[in-house]
Amino acid sequence: MAMIAVLVGTIRIIIKRHTPREVLLGGLIVSVVYFIYLYCNMQFNSKI
């Protein structure tokens, strides 16, 4: 799944739809949200 994200980000830079900074910041935001989701999911599942 991560390989697809890297490919899409690279293509967006190549076709000039986004700057490298925008692509990296987007990846950072997605990573933070994903880890928050994983943390919350683990907390809720451990109480069952």
Protein backbone atom coordinates (compact mmCIF):
# COMPACT_ATOMS: atom_id res chain seq x y z
CA MET A 1 0.00 0.00 0.00
CA ALA A 2 2.83 2.39 0.82
CA MET A 3 4.41 1.71 -2.56
CA ILE A 4 1.26 2.96 -4.29
CA ALA A 5 1.31 6.15 -2.18
CA VAL A 6 4.96 6.79 -3.08
CA LEU A 7 4.20 6.21 -6.76
CA VAL A 8 1.20 8.56 -6.72
CA GLY A 9 3.19 11.25 -4.88
CA THR A 10 6.05 10.99 -7.36
CA ILE A 11 3.72 11.20 -10.34
CA ARG A 12 1.98 14.26 -8.87
CA ILE A 13 5.37 15.98 -8.61
CA ILE A 14 6.38 14.95 -12.14
CA ILE A 15 3.19 16.28 -13.74
CA LYS A 16 3.50 19.47 -11.66
CA ARG A 17 0.18 19.13 -9.79
CA HIS A 18 1.94 19.53 -6.43
CA THR A 19 5.30 20.70 -5.13
CA PRO A 20 7.59 18.25 -3.32
CA ARG A 21 6.89 20.15 -0.09
CA GLU A 22 3.13 19.66 -0.44
CA VAL A 23 3.55 15.95 -1.12
CA LEU A 24 5.84 15.46 1.91
CA LEU A 25 3.57 17.46 4.22
CA GLY A 26 0.59 15.43 3.03
CA GLY A 27 2.46 12.23 3.79
CA LEU A 28 3.37 13.52 7.24
CA ILE A 29 -0.24 14.43 8.02
CA VAL A 30 -1.47 11.02 6.86
CA SER A 31 1.18 9.27 8.99
CA VAL A 32 0.19 11.18 12.13
CA VAL A 33 -3.51 10.47 11.61
CA TYR A 34 -2.79 6.79 10.92
CA PHE A 35 -0.73 6.37 14.11
CA ILE A 36 -3.44 8.11 16.17
CA TYR A 37 -5.97 5.68 14.68
CA LEU A 38 -3.75 2.68 15.47
CA TYR A 39 -3.18 3.86 19.04
CA CYS A 40 -6.90 4.39 19.68
CA ASN A 41 -7.76 1.08 18.06
CA MET A 42 -5.27 -0.79 20.26
CA GLN A 43 -6.58 0.96 23.41
CA PHE A 44 -10.21 0.11 22.69
CA ASN A 45 -9.45 -3.50 21.73
CA SER A 46 -7.34 -4.18 24.82
CA LYS A 47 -10.28 -3.41 27.17
CA ILE A 48 -12.52 -6.10 25.66
